[in-house]
Structure formats: C-alpha cells, structure tokens
PDB file of all heavy atoms in Angstrom:
ATOM      1  N   THR A   1       0.810  -1.222   0.000  1.00  0.00           N
ATOM      2  CA  THR A   1       0.000   0.000   0.000  1.00  0.00           C
ATOM      3  C   THR A   1       0.840   1.267   0.000  1.00  0.00           C
ATOM      4  O   THR A   1       0.341   2.343  -0.301  1.00  0.00           O
ATOM      5  CB  THR A   1      -0.929   0.030   1.225  1.00  0.00           C
ATOM      6  OG1 THR A   1      -0.134  -0.111   2.417  1.00  0.00           O
ATOM      7  CG2 THR A   1      -1.950  -1.101   1.156  1.00  0.00           C
ATOM      8  N   LYS A   2       2.130   1.118   0.336  1.00  0.00           N
ATOM      9  CA  LYS A   2       3.028   2.278   0.381  1.00  0.00           C
ATOM     10  C   LYS A   2       4.392   1.846  -0.134  1.00  0.00           C
ATOM     11  O   LYS A   2       5.080   1.044   0.501  1.00  0.00           O
ATOM     12  CB  LYS A   2       3.142   2.816   1.812  1.00  0.00           C
ATOM     13  CG  LYS A   2       3.991   4.056   1.921  1.00  0.00           C
ATOM     14  CD  LYS A   2       4.034   4.560   3.367  1.00  0.00           C
ATOM     15  CE  LYS A   2       4.926   5.785   3.457  1.00  0.00           C
ATOM     16  NZ  LYS A   2       5.050   6.256   4.831  1.00  0.00           N
ATOM     17  N   ALA A   3       4.800   2.382  -1.278  1.00  0.00           N
ATOM     18  CA  ALA A   3       6.110   2.044  -1.856  1.00  0.00           C
ATOM     19  C   ALA A   3       7.224   2.706  -1.049  1.00  0.00           C
ATOM     20  O   ALA A   3       7.019   3.750  -0.425  1.00  0.00           O
ATOM     21  CB  ALA A   3       6.185   2.493  -3.305  1.00  0.00           C
ATOM     22  N   SER A   4       8.400   2.090  -1.071  1.00  0.00           N
ATOM     23  CA  SER A   4       9.543   2.604  -0.325  1.00  0.00           C
ATOM     24  C   SER A   4      10.840   2.210  -1.015  1.00  0.00           C
ATOM     25  O   SER A   4      10.921   1.153  -1.641  1.00  0.00           O
ATOM     26  CB  SER A   4       9.537   2.039   1.097  1.00  0.00           C
ATOM     27  OG  SER A   4      10.711   2.414   1.785  1.00  0.00           O
ATOM     28  N   ALA A   5      11.856   3.041  -0.870  1.00  0.00           N
ATOM     29  CA  ALA A   5      13.194   2.695  -1.349  1.00  0.00           C
ATOM     30  C   ALA A   5      13.777   1.568  -0.498  1.00  0.00           C
ATOM     31  O   ALA A   5      14.686   0.860  -0.930  1.00  0.00           O
ATOM     32  CB  ALA A   5      14.105   3.919  -1.302  1.00  0.00           C
ATOM     33  N   ASN A   6      13.260   1.395   0.717  1.00  0.00           N
ATOM     34  CA  ASN A   6      13.674   0.299   1.601  1.00  0.00           C
ATOM     35  C   ASN A   6      12.828  -0.921   1.247  1.00  0.00           C
ATOM     36  O   ASN A   6      11.747  -1.126   1.804  1.00  0.00           O
ATOM     37  CB  ASN A   6      13.494   0.684   3.063  1.00  0.00           C
ATOM     38  CG  ASN A   6      14.365   1.847   3.439  1.00  0.00           C
ATOM     39  OD1 ASN A   6      15.525   1.912   3.057  1.00  0.00           O
ATOM     40  ND2 ASN A   6      13.820   2.788   4.178  1.00  0.00           N
ATOM     41  N   LYS A   7      13.325  -1.735   0.328  1.00  0.00           N
ATOM     42  CA  LYS A   7      12.559  -2.836  -0.238  1.00  0.00           C
ATOM     43  C   LYS A   7      12.048  -3.822   0.808  1.00  0.00           C
ATOM     44  O   LYS A   7      11.037  -4.481   0.608  1.00  0.00           O
ATOM     45  CB  LYS A   7      13.388  -3.570  -1.291  1.00  0.00           C
ATOM     46  CG  LYS A   7      14.632  -4.263  -0.734  1.00  0.00           C
ATOM     47  CD  LYS A   7      15.453  -4.894  -1.825  1.00  0.00           C
ATOM     48  CE  LYS A   7      16.628  -5.665  -1.230  1.00  0.00           C
ATOM     49  NZ  LYS A   7      17.391  -6.341  -2.275  1.00  0.00           N
ATOM     50  N   TRP A   8      12.698  -3.928   1.941  1.00  0.00           N
ATOM     51  CA  TRP A   8      12.332  -4.873   2.987  1.00  0.00           C
ATOM     52  C   TRP A   8      11.175  -4.368   3.858  1.00  0.00           C
ATOM     53  O   TRP A   8      10.724  -5.077   4.743  1.00  0.00           O
ATOM     54  CB  TRP A   8      13.540  -5.203   3.868  1.00  0.00           C
ATOM     55  CG  TRP A   8      14.097  -3.998   4.559  1.00  0.00           C
ATOM     56  CD1 TRP A   8      13.712  -3.499   5.777  1.00  0.00           C
ATOM     57  CD2 TRP A   8      15.114  -3.133   4.087  1.00  0.00           C
ATOM     58  NE1 TRP A   8      14.421  -2.372   6.079  1.00  0.00           N
ATOM     59  CE2 TRP A   8      15.302  -2.114   5.043  1.00  0.00           C
ATOM     60  CE3 TRP A   8      15.886  -3.103   2.936  1.00  0.00           C
ATOM     61  CZ2 TRP A   8      16.224  -1.090   4.886  1.00  0.00           C
ATOM     62  CZ3 TRP A   8      16.808  -2.076   2.783  1.00  0.00           C
ATOM     63  CH2 TRP A   8      16.976  -1.093   3.750  1.00  0.00           C
ATOM     64  N   TYR A   9      10.656  -3.176   3.599  1.00  0.00           N
ATOM     65  CA  TYR A   9       9.522  -2.677   4.380  1.00  0.00           C
ATOM     66  C   TYR A   9       8.265  -3.531   4.181  1.00  0.00           C
ATOM     67  O   TYR A   9       7.378  -3.528   5.017  1.00  0.00           O
ATOM     68  CB  TYR A   9       9.234  -1.218   4.050  1.00  0.00           C
ATOM     69  CG  TYR A   9      10.069  -0.231   4.825  1.00  0.00           C
ATOM     70  CD1 TYR A   9      11.196  -0.607   5.545  1.00  0.00           C
ATOM     71  CD2 TYR A   9       9.731   1.103   4.835  1.00  0.00           C
ATOM     72  CE1 TYR A   9      11.962   0.301   6.241  1.00  0.00           C
ATOM     73  CE2 TYR A   9      10.493   2.040   5.536  1.00  0.00           C
ATOM     74  CZ  TYR A   9      11.602   1.625   6.237  1.00  0.00           C
ATOM     75  OH  TYR A   9      12.354   2.538   6.932  1.00  0.00           O
ATOM     76  N   VAL A  10       8.191  -4.232   3.061  1.00  0.00           N
ATOM     77  CA  VAL A  10       7.149  -5.238   2.858  1.00  0.00           C
ATOM     78  C   VAL A  10       7.882  -6.520   2.494  1.00  0.00           C
ATOM     79  O   VAL A  10       8.518  -6.605   1.447  1.00  0.00           O
ATOM     80  CB  VAL A  10       6.147  -4.841   1.747  1.00  0.00           C
ATOM     81  CG1 VAL A  10       5.128  -5.951   1.549  1.00  0.00           C
ATOM     82  CG2 VAL A  10       5.470  -3.523   2.088  1.00  0.00           C
ATOM     83  N   GLN A  11       7.815  -7.497   3.404  1.00  0.00           N
ATOM     84  CA  GLN A  11       8.674  -8.669   3.276  1.00  0.00           C
ATOM     85  C   GLN A  11       7.932  -9.929   3.710  1.00  0.00           C
ATOM     86  O   GLN A  11       7.222  -9.936   4.710  1.00  0.00           O
ATOM     87  CB  GLN A  11       9.915  -8.469   4.147  1.00  0.00           C
ATOM     88  CG  GLN A  11      10.973  -9.518   4.030  1.00  0.00           C
ATOM     89  CD  GLN A  11      12.161  -9.202   4.922  1.00  0.00           C
ATOM     90  OE1 GLN A  11      12.043  -9.269   6.140  1.00  0.00           O
ATOM     91  NE2 GLN A  11      13.290  -8.862   4.319  1.00  0.00           N
ATOM     92  N   LEU A  12       8.124 -10.989   2.949  1.00  0.00           N
ATOM     93  CA  LEU A  12       7.654 -12.323   3.299  1.00  0.00           C
ATOM     94  C   LEU A  12       8.901 -13.177   3.416  1.00  0.00           C
ATOM     95  O   LEU A  12       9.730 -13.184   2.503  1.00  0.00           O
ATOM     96  CB  LEU A  12       6.732 -12.851   2.193  1.00  0.00           C
ATOM     97  CG  LEU A  12       6.066 -14.199   2.410  1.00  0.00           C
ATOM     98  CD1 LEU A  12       5.090 -14.130   3.580  1.00  0.00           C
ATOM     99  CD2 LEU A  12       5.343 -14.628   1.138  1.00  0.00           C
ATOM    100  N   MET A  13       9.082 -13.866   4.556  1.00  0.00           N
ATOM    101  CA  MET A  13      10.341 -14.591   4.724  1.00  0.00           C
ATOM    102  C   MET A  13      10.171 -15.901   5.455  1.00  0.00           C
ATOM    103  O   MET A  13       9.179 -16.126   6.151  1.00  0.00           O
ATOM    104  CB  MET A  13      11.355 -13.721   5.440  1.00  0.00           C
ATOM    105  CG  MET A  13      11.053 -13.445   6.883  1.00  0.00           C
ATOM    106  SD  MET A  13      12.324 -12.431   7.611  1.00  0.00           S
ATOM    107  CE  MET A  13      11.301 -11.271   8.448  1.00  0.00           C
ATOM    108  N   GLN A  14      11.172 -16.759   5.287  1.00  0.00           N
ATOM    109  CA  GLN A  14      11.304 -18.019   6.005  1.00  0.00           C
ATOM    110  C   GLN A  14      12.664 -18.009   6.684  1.00  0.00           C
ATOM    111  O   GLN A  14      13.692 -17.840   6.018  1.00  0.00           O
ATOM    112  CB  GLN A  14      11.205 -19.207   5.055  1.00  0.00           C
ATOM    113  CG  GLN A  14      11.523 -20.539   5.695  1.00  0.00           C
ATOM    114  CD  GLN A  14      10.522 -20.939   6.760  1.00  0.00           C
ATOM    115  OE1 GLN A  14       9.331 -20.915   6.505  1.00  0.00           O
ATOM    116  NE2 GLN A  14      10.985 -21.297   7.934  1.00  0.00           N
ATOM    117  N   ASN A  15      12.676 -18.163   7.992  1.00  0.00           N
ATOM    118  CA  ASN A  15      13.920 -18.163   8.769  1.00  0.00           C
ATOM    119  C   ASN A  15      14.460 -19.575   8.964  1.00  0.00           C
ATOM    120  O   ASN A  15      13.819 -20.559   8.616  1.00  0.00           O
ATOM    121  CB  ASN A  15      13.666 -17.538  10.150  1.00  0.00           C
ATOM    122  CG  ASN A  15      13.461 -16.053  10.068  1.00  0.00           C
ATOM    123  OD1 ASN A  15      14.222 -15.360   9.425  1.00  0.00           O
ATOM    124  ND2 ASN A  15      12.420 -15.562  10.711  1.00  0.00           N
ATOM    125  N   ASN A  16      15.647 -19.641   9.558  1.00  0.00           N
ATOM    126  CA  ASN A  16      16.280 -20.885  10.004  1.00  0.00           C
ATOM    127  C   ASN A  16      16.579 -21.876   8.887  1.00  0.00           C
ATOM    128  O   ASN A  16      16.337 -23.072   9.020  1.00  0.00           O
ATOM    129  CB  ASN A  16      15.446 -21.550  11.104  1.00  0.00           C
ATOM    130  CG  ASN A  16      15.306 -20.658  12.310  1.00  0.00           C
ATOM    131  OD1 ASN A  16      16.260 -20.000  12.721  1.00  0.00           O
ATOM    132  ND2 ASN A  16      14.107 -20.592  12.863  1.00  0.00           N
ATOM    133  N   LEU A  17      17.118 -21.360   7.790  1.00  0.00           N
ATOM    134  CA  LEU A  17      17.539 -22.221   6.687  1.00  0.00           C
ATOM    135  C   LEU A  17      19.057 -22.369   6.740  1.00  0.00           C
ATOM    136  O   LEU A  17      19.781 -21.395   6.540  1.00  0.00           O
ATOM    137  CB  LEU A  17      17.117 -21.612   5.347  1.00  0.00           C
ATOM    138  CG  LEU A  17      15.612 -21.420   5.160  1.00  0.00           C
ATOM    139  CD1 LEU A  17      15.336 -20.637   3.887  1.00  0.00           C
ATOM    140  CD2 LEU A  17      14.896 -22.758   5.149  1.00  0.00           C
ATOM    141  N   PRO A  18      19.574 -23.563   7.027  1.00  0.00           N
ATOM    142  CA  PRO A  18      21.022 -23.738   7.111  1.00  0.00           C
ATOM    143  C   PRO A  18      21.686 -23.724   5.732  1.00  0.00           C
ATOM    144  O   PRO A  18      21.167 -24.303   4.784  1.00  0.00           O
ATOM    145  CB  PRO A  18      21.183 -25.106   7.780  1.00  0.00           C
ATOM    146  CG  PRO A  18      19.922 -25.830   7.471  1.00  0.00           C
ATOM    147  CD  PRO A  18      18.836 -24.787   7.335  1.00  0.00           C
ATOM    148  N   LEU A  19      22.809 -23.021   5.639  1.00  0.00           N
ATOM    149  CA  LEU A  19      23.636 -23.031   4.432  1.00  0.00           C
ATOM    150  C   LEU A  19      24.967 -23.692   4.768  1.00  0.00           C
ATOM    151  O   LEU A  19      25.496 -23.508   5.865  1.00  0.00           O
ATOM    152  CB  LEU A  19      23.923 -21.611   3.945  1.00  0.00           C
ATOM    153  CG  LEU A  19      22.765 -20.758   3.451  1.00  0.00           C
ATOM    154  CD1 LEU A  19      23.280 -19.391   3.008  1.00  0.00           C
ATOM    155  CD2 LEU A  19      22.029 -21.440   2.317  1.00  0.00           C
ATOM    156  N   THR A  20      25.518 -24.419   3.811  1.00  0.00           N
ATOM    157  CA  THR A  20      26.839 -25.020   3.941  1.00  0.00           C
ATOM    158  C   THR A  20      27.739 -24.404   2.885  1.00  0.00           C
ATOM    159  O   THR A  20      27.395 -24.412   1.690  1.00  0.00           O
ATOM    160  CB  THR A  20      26.769 -26.550   3.757  1.00  0.00           C
ATOM    161  OG1 THR A  20      25.875 -27.100   4.729  1.00  0.00           O
ATOM    162  CG2 THR A  20      28.144 -27.185   3.908  1.00  0.00           C
ATOM    163  N   ALA A  21      28.873 -23.862   3.306  1.00  0.00           N
ATOM    164  CA  ALA A  21      29.797 -23.197   2.385  1.00  0.00           C
ATOM    165  C   ALA A  21      30.148 -24.120   1.218  1.00  0.00           C
ATOM    166  O   ALA A  21      30.449 -25.305   1.411  1.00  0.00           O
ATOM    167  CB  ALA A  21      31.062 -22.772   3.114  1.00  0.00           C
ATOM    168  N   GLY A  22      30.095 -23.573  -0.006  1.00  0.00           N
ATOM    169  CA  GLY A  22      30.459 -24.316  -1.200  1.00  0.00           C
ATOM    170  C   GLY A  22      29.345 -25.150  -1.814  1.00  0.00           C
ATOM    171  O   GLY A  22      29.481 -25.641  -2.928  1.00  0.00           O
ATOM    172  N   ARG A  23      28.256 -25.302  -1.104  1.00  0.00           N
ATOM    173  CA  ARG A  23      27.135 -26.098  -1.614  1.00  0.00           C
ATOM    174  C   ARG A  23      26.215 -25.234  -2.477  1.00  0.00           C
ATOM    175  O   ARG A  23      25.993 -24.078  -2.184  1.00  0.00           O
ATOM    176  CB  ARG A  23      26.345 -26.703  -0.466  1.00  0.00           C
ATOM    177  CG  ARG A  23      25.151 -27.528  -0.944  1.00  0.00           C
ATOM    178  CD  ARG A  23      24.399 -28.138   0.175  1.00  0.00           C
ATOM    179  NE  ARG A  23      24.990 -29.443   0.435  1.00  0.00           N
ATOM    180  CZ  ARG A  23      24.626 -30.233   1.424  1.00  0.00           C
ATOM    181  NH1 ARG A  23      23.725 -29.846   2.275  1.00  0.00           N
ATOM    182  NH2 ARG A  23      25.191 -31.407   1.567  1.00  0.00           N
ATOM    183  N   LYS A  24      25.685 -25.844  -3.552  1.00  0.00           N
ATOM    184  CA  LYS A  24      24.751 -25.138  -4.423  1.00  0.00           C
ATOM    185  C   LYS A  24      23.327 -25.313  -3.895  1.00  0.00           C
ATOM    186  O   LYS A  24      22.959 -26.406  -3.440  1.00  0.00           O
ATOM    187  CB  LYS A  24      24.834 -25.656  -5.849  1.00  0.00           C
ATOM    188  CG  LYS A  24      26.093 -25.248  -6.553  1.00  0.00           C
ATOM    189  CD  LYS A  24      26.062 -25.643  -8.012  1.00  0.00           C
ATOM    190  CE  LYS A  24      27.344 -25.144  -8.665  1.00  0.00           C
ATOM    191  NZ  LYS A  24      27.326 -25.337 -10.103  1.00  0.00           N
ATOM    192  N   TYR A  25      22.550 -24.234  -3.992  1.00  0.00           N
ATOM    193  CA  TYR A  25      21.152 -24.236  -3.575  1.00  0.00           C
ATOM    194  C   TYR A  25      20.302 -23.692  -4.709  1.00  0.00           C
ATOM    195  O   TYR A  25      20.728 -22.806  -5.437  1.00  0.00           O
ATOM    196  CB  TYR A  25      20.953 -23.370  -2.320  1.00  0.00           C
ATOM    197  CG  TYR A  25      21.643 -23.948  -1.114  1.00  0.00           C
ATOM    198  CD1 TYR A  25      22.972 -23.647  -0.840  1.00  0.00           C
ATOM    199  CD2 TYR A  25      20.982 -24.816  -0.267  1.00  0.00           C
ATOM    200  CE1 TYR A  25      23.614 -24.198   0.246  1.00  0.00           C
ATOM    201  CE2 TYR A  25      21.619 -25.377   0.828  1.00  0.00           C
ATOM    202  CZ  TYR A  25      22.931 -25.058   1.085  1.00  0.00           C
ATOM    203  OH  TYR A  25      23.570 -25.608   2.163  1.00  0.00           O
ATOM    204  N   THR A  26      19.099 -24.237  -4.827  1.00  0.00           N
ATOM    205  CA  THR A  26      18.157 -23.764  -5.827  1.00  0.00           C
ATOM    206  C   THR A  26      16.913 -23.226  -5.135  1.00  0.00           C
ATOM    207  O   THR A  26      16.334 -23.892  -4.271  1.00  0.00           O
ATOM    208  CB  THR A  26      17.766 -24.900  -6.792  1.00  0.00           C
ATOM    209  OG1 THR A  26      18.944 -25.371  -7.450  1.00  0.00           O
ATOM    210  CG2 THR A  26      16.754 -24.423  -7.833  1.00  0.00           C
ATOM    211  N   VAL A  27      16.532 -22.024  -5.529  1.00  0.00           N
ATOM    212  CA  VAL A  27      15.312 -21.380  -5.039  1.00  0.00           C
ATOM    213  C   VAL A  27      14.331 -21.362  -6.199  1.00  0.00           C
ATOM    214  O   VAL A  27      14.695 -20.975  -7.317  1.00  0.00           O
ATOM    215  CB  VAL A  27      15.593 -19.935  -4.567  1.00  0.00           C
ATOM    216  CG1 VAL A  27      14.304 -19.243  -4.142  1.00  0.00           C
ATOM    217  CG2 VAL A  27      16.620 -19.921  -3.444  1.00  0.00           C
ATOM    218  N   SER A  28      13.107 -21.779  -5.956  1.00  0.00           N
ATOM    219  CA  SER A  28      12.075 -21.661  -6.983  1.00  0.00           C
ATOM    220  C   SER A  28      10.759 -21.280  -6.325  1.00  0.00           C
ATOM    221  O   SER A  28      10.517 -21.594  -5.156  1.00  0.00           O
ATOM    222  CB  SER A  28      11.934 -22.958  -7.789  1.00  0.00           C
ATOM    223  OG  SER A  28      11.463 -23.998  -6.974  1.00  0.00           O
ATOM    224  N   PHE A  29       9.937 -20.585  -7.084  1.00  0.00           N
ATOM    225  CA  PHE A  29       8.622 -20.171  -6.600  1.00  0.00           C
ATOM    226  C   PHE A  29       7.767 -19.773  -7.796  1.00  0.00           C
ATOM    227  O   PHE A  29       8.271 -19.491  -8.876  1.00  0.00           O
ATOM    228  CB  PHE A  29       8.742 -18.999  -5.611  1.00  0.00           C
ATOM    229  CG  PHE A  29       9.346 -17.752  -6.180  1.00  0.00           C
ATOM    230  CD1 PHE A  29       8.549 -16.723  -6.669  1.00  0.00           C
ATOM    231  CD2 PHE A  29      10.730 -17.601  -6.235  1.00  0.00           C
ATOM    232  CE1 PHE A  29       9.121 -15.575  -7.192  1.00  0.00           C
ATOM    233  CE2 PHE A  29      11.305 -16.454  -6.761  1.00  0.00           C
ATOM    234  CZ  PHE A  29      10.495 -15.441  -7.248  1.00  0.00           C
ATOM    235  N   TRP A  30       6.485 -19.757  -7.590  1.00  0.00           N
ATOM    236  CA  TRP A  30       5.529 -19.262  -8.577  1.00  0.00           C
ATOM    237  C   TRP A  30       5.025 -17.920  -8.076  1.00  0.00           C
ATOM    238  O   TRP A  30       4.817 -17.740  -6.866  1.00  0.00           O
ATOM    239  CB  TRP A  30       4.358 -20.222  -8.725  1.00  0.00           C
ATOM    240  CG  TRP A  30       4.691 -21.466  -9.489  1.00  0.00           C
ATOM    241  CD1 TRP A  30       5.344 -22.566  -9.012  1.00  0.00           C
ATOM    242  CD2 TRP A  30       4.403 -21.730 -10.852  1.00  0.00           C
ATOM    243  NE1 TRP A  30       5.477 -23.502 -10.002  1.00  0.00           N
ATOM    244  CE2 TRP A  30       4.897 -23.017 -11.148  1.00  0.00           C
ATOM    245  CE3 TRP A  30       3.763 -21.007 -11.860  1.00  0.00           C
ATOM    246  CZ2 TRP A  30       4.772 -23.596 -12.398  1.00  0.00           C
ATOM    247  CZ3 TRP A  30       3.632 -21.589 -13.109  1.00  0.00           C
ATOM    248  CH2 TRP A  30       4.142 -22.867 -13.368  1.00  0.00           C
ATOM    249  N   ALA A  31       4.822 -16.971  -8.999  1.00  0.00           N
ATOM    250  CA  ALA A  31       4.335 -15.653  -8.588  1.00  0.00           C
ATOM    251  C   ALA A  31       3.612 -14.966  -9.733  1.00  0.00           C
ATOM    252  O   ALA A  31       3.816 -15.291 -10.909  1.00  0.00           O
ATOM    253  CB  ALA A  31       5.492 -14.777  -8.112  1.00  0.00           C
ATOM    254  N   LYS A  32       2.765 -14.018  -9.359  1.00  0.00           N
ATOM    255  CA  LYS A  32       2.125 -13.110 -10.301  1.00  0.00           C
ATOM    256  C   LYS A  32       1.782 -11.842  -9.537  1.00  0.00           C
ATOM    257  O   LYS A  32       1.890 -11.794  -8.305  1.00  0.00           O
ATOM    258  CB  LYS A  32       0.882 -13.721 -10.954  1.00  0.00           C
ATOM    259  CG  LYS A  32      -0.309 -13.870 -10.037  1.00  0.00           C
ATOM    260  CD  LYS A  32      -1.505 -14.348 -10.823  1.00  0.00           C
ATOM    261  CE  LYS A  32      -2.778 -14.330  -9.993  1.00  0.00           C
ATOM    262  NZ  LYS A  32      -3.967 -14.573 -10.803  1.00  0.00           N
ATOM    263  N   ALA A  33       1.369 -10.804 -10.255  1.00  0.00           N
ATOM    264  CA  ALA A  33       1.055  -9.524  -9.619  1.00  0.00           C
ATOM    265  C   ALA A  33      -0.138  -8.876 -10.321  1.00  0.00           C
ATOM    266  O   ALA A  33      -0.517  -9.268 -11.425  1.00  0.00           O
ATOM    267  CB  ALA A  33       2.261  -8.594  -9.666  1.00  0.00           C
ATOM    268  N   SER A  34      -0.691  -7.875  -9.670  1.00  0.00           N
ATOM    269  CA  SER A  34      -1.851  -7.160 -10.226  1.00  0.00           C
ATOM    270  C   SER A  34      -1.463  -6.290 -11.417  1.00  0.00           C
ATOM    271  O   SER A  34      -2.320  -5.861 -12.191  1.00  0.00           O
ATOM    272  CB  SER A  34      -2.511  -6.312  -9.149  1.00  0.00           C
ATOM    273  OG  SER A  34      -1.573  -5.392  -8.596  1.00  0.00           O
ATOM    274  N   LYS A  35      -0.157  -6.032 -11.573  1.00  0.00           N
ATOM    275  CA  LYS A  35       0.398  -5.288 -12.700  1.00  0.00           C
ATOM    276  C   LYS A  35       1.863  -5.671 -12.804  1.00  0.00           C
ATOM    277  O   LYS A  35       2.410  -6.307 -11.903  1.00  0.00           O
ATOM    278  CB  LYS A  35       0.259  -3.777 -12.476  1.00  0.00           C
ATOM    279  CG  LYS A  35       1.003  -3.279 -11.243  1.00  0.00           C
ATOM    280  CD  LYS A  35       0.783  -1.803 -10.998  1.00  0.00           C
ATOM    281  CE  LYS A  35       1.538  -1.338  -9.757  1.00  0.00           C
ATOM    282  NZ  LYS A  35       1.299   0.069  -9.491  1.00  0.00           N
ATOM    283  N   SER A  36       2.524  -5.305 -13.873  1.00  0.00           N
ATOM    284  CA  SER A  36       3.945  -5.597 -14.008  1.00  0.00           C
ATOM    285  C   SER A  36       4.712  -4.822 -12.931  1.00  0.00           C
ATOM    286  O   SER A  36       4.582  -3.605 -12.826  1.00  0.00           O
ATOM    287  CB  SER A  36       4.431  -5.194 -15.398  1.00  0.00           C
ATOM    288  OG  SER A  36       5.809  -5.468 -15.518  1.00  0.00           O
ATOM    289  N   LEU A  37       5.482  -5.553 -12.119  1.00  0.00           N
ATOM    290  CA  LEU A  37       6.283  -4.918 -11.064  1.00  0.00           C
ATOM    291  C   LEU A  37       7.445  -5.806 -10.682  1.00  0.00           C
ATOM    292  O   LEU A  37       7.474  -6.977 -11.030  1.00  0.00           O
ATOM    293  CB  LEU A  37       5.432  -4.551  -9.847  1.00  0.00           C
ATOM    294  CG  LEU A  37       4.610  -5.640  -9.152  1.00  0.00           C
ATOM    295  CD1 LEU A  37       5.460  -6.502  -8.254  1.00  0.00           C
ATOM    296  CD2 LEU A  37       3.509  -4.985  -8.337  1.00  0.00           C
ATOM    297  N   GLN A  38       8.401  -5.247  -9.969  1.00  0.00           N
ATOM    298  CA  GLN A  38       9.598  -5.992  -9.572  1.00  0.00           C
ATOM    299  C   GLN A  38       9.589  -6.310  -8.084  1.00  0.00           C
ATOM    300  O   GLN A  38       9.154  -5.492  -7.269  1.00  0.00           O
ATOM    301  CB  GLN A  38      10.863  -5.192  -9.886  1.00  0.00           C
ATOM    302  CG  GLN A  38      11.159  -5.095 -11.359  1.00  0.00           C
ATOM    303  CD  GLN A  38      12.501  -4.442 -11.623  1.00  0.00           C
ATOM    304  OE1 GLN A  38      12.996  -3.653 -10.837  1.00  0.00           O
ATOM    305  NE2 GLN A  38      13.081  -4.771 -12.767  1.00  0.00           N
TER     306      GLN A  38
END
C-alpha cells in the first residue's frame, strides 16, 4: 500500500535455513502480480 526505497519494508520470509559453504542451492517459486512490477 506504500512504496519505499527500503525494499524490505514489505517482506515475506522463512527463517532458520542452514547453508553449507560451497554447496549449491536452488530457489524456486511461482508468482504473479496485479500489474507488471519488480
């Protein structure tokens, strides 16, 4: 409802994901919007 230069002001997140140095990870998701936006 309010745009900001601070992109994290509207955020959806999942915490506690372990990373291992040197390992490859793949992120995938489906998304759409009410208009073209980033």
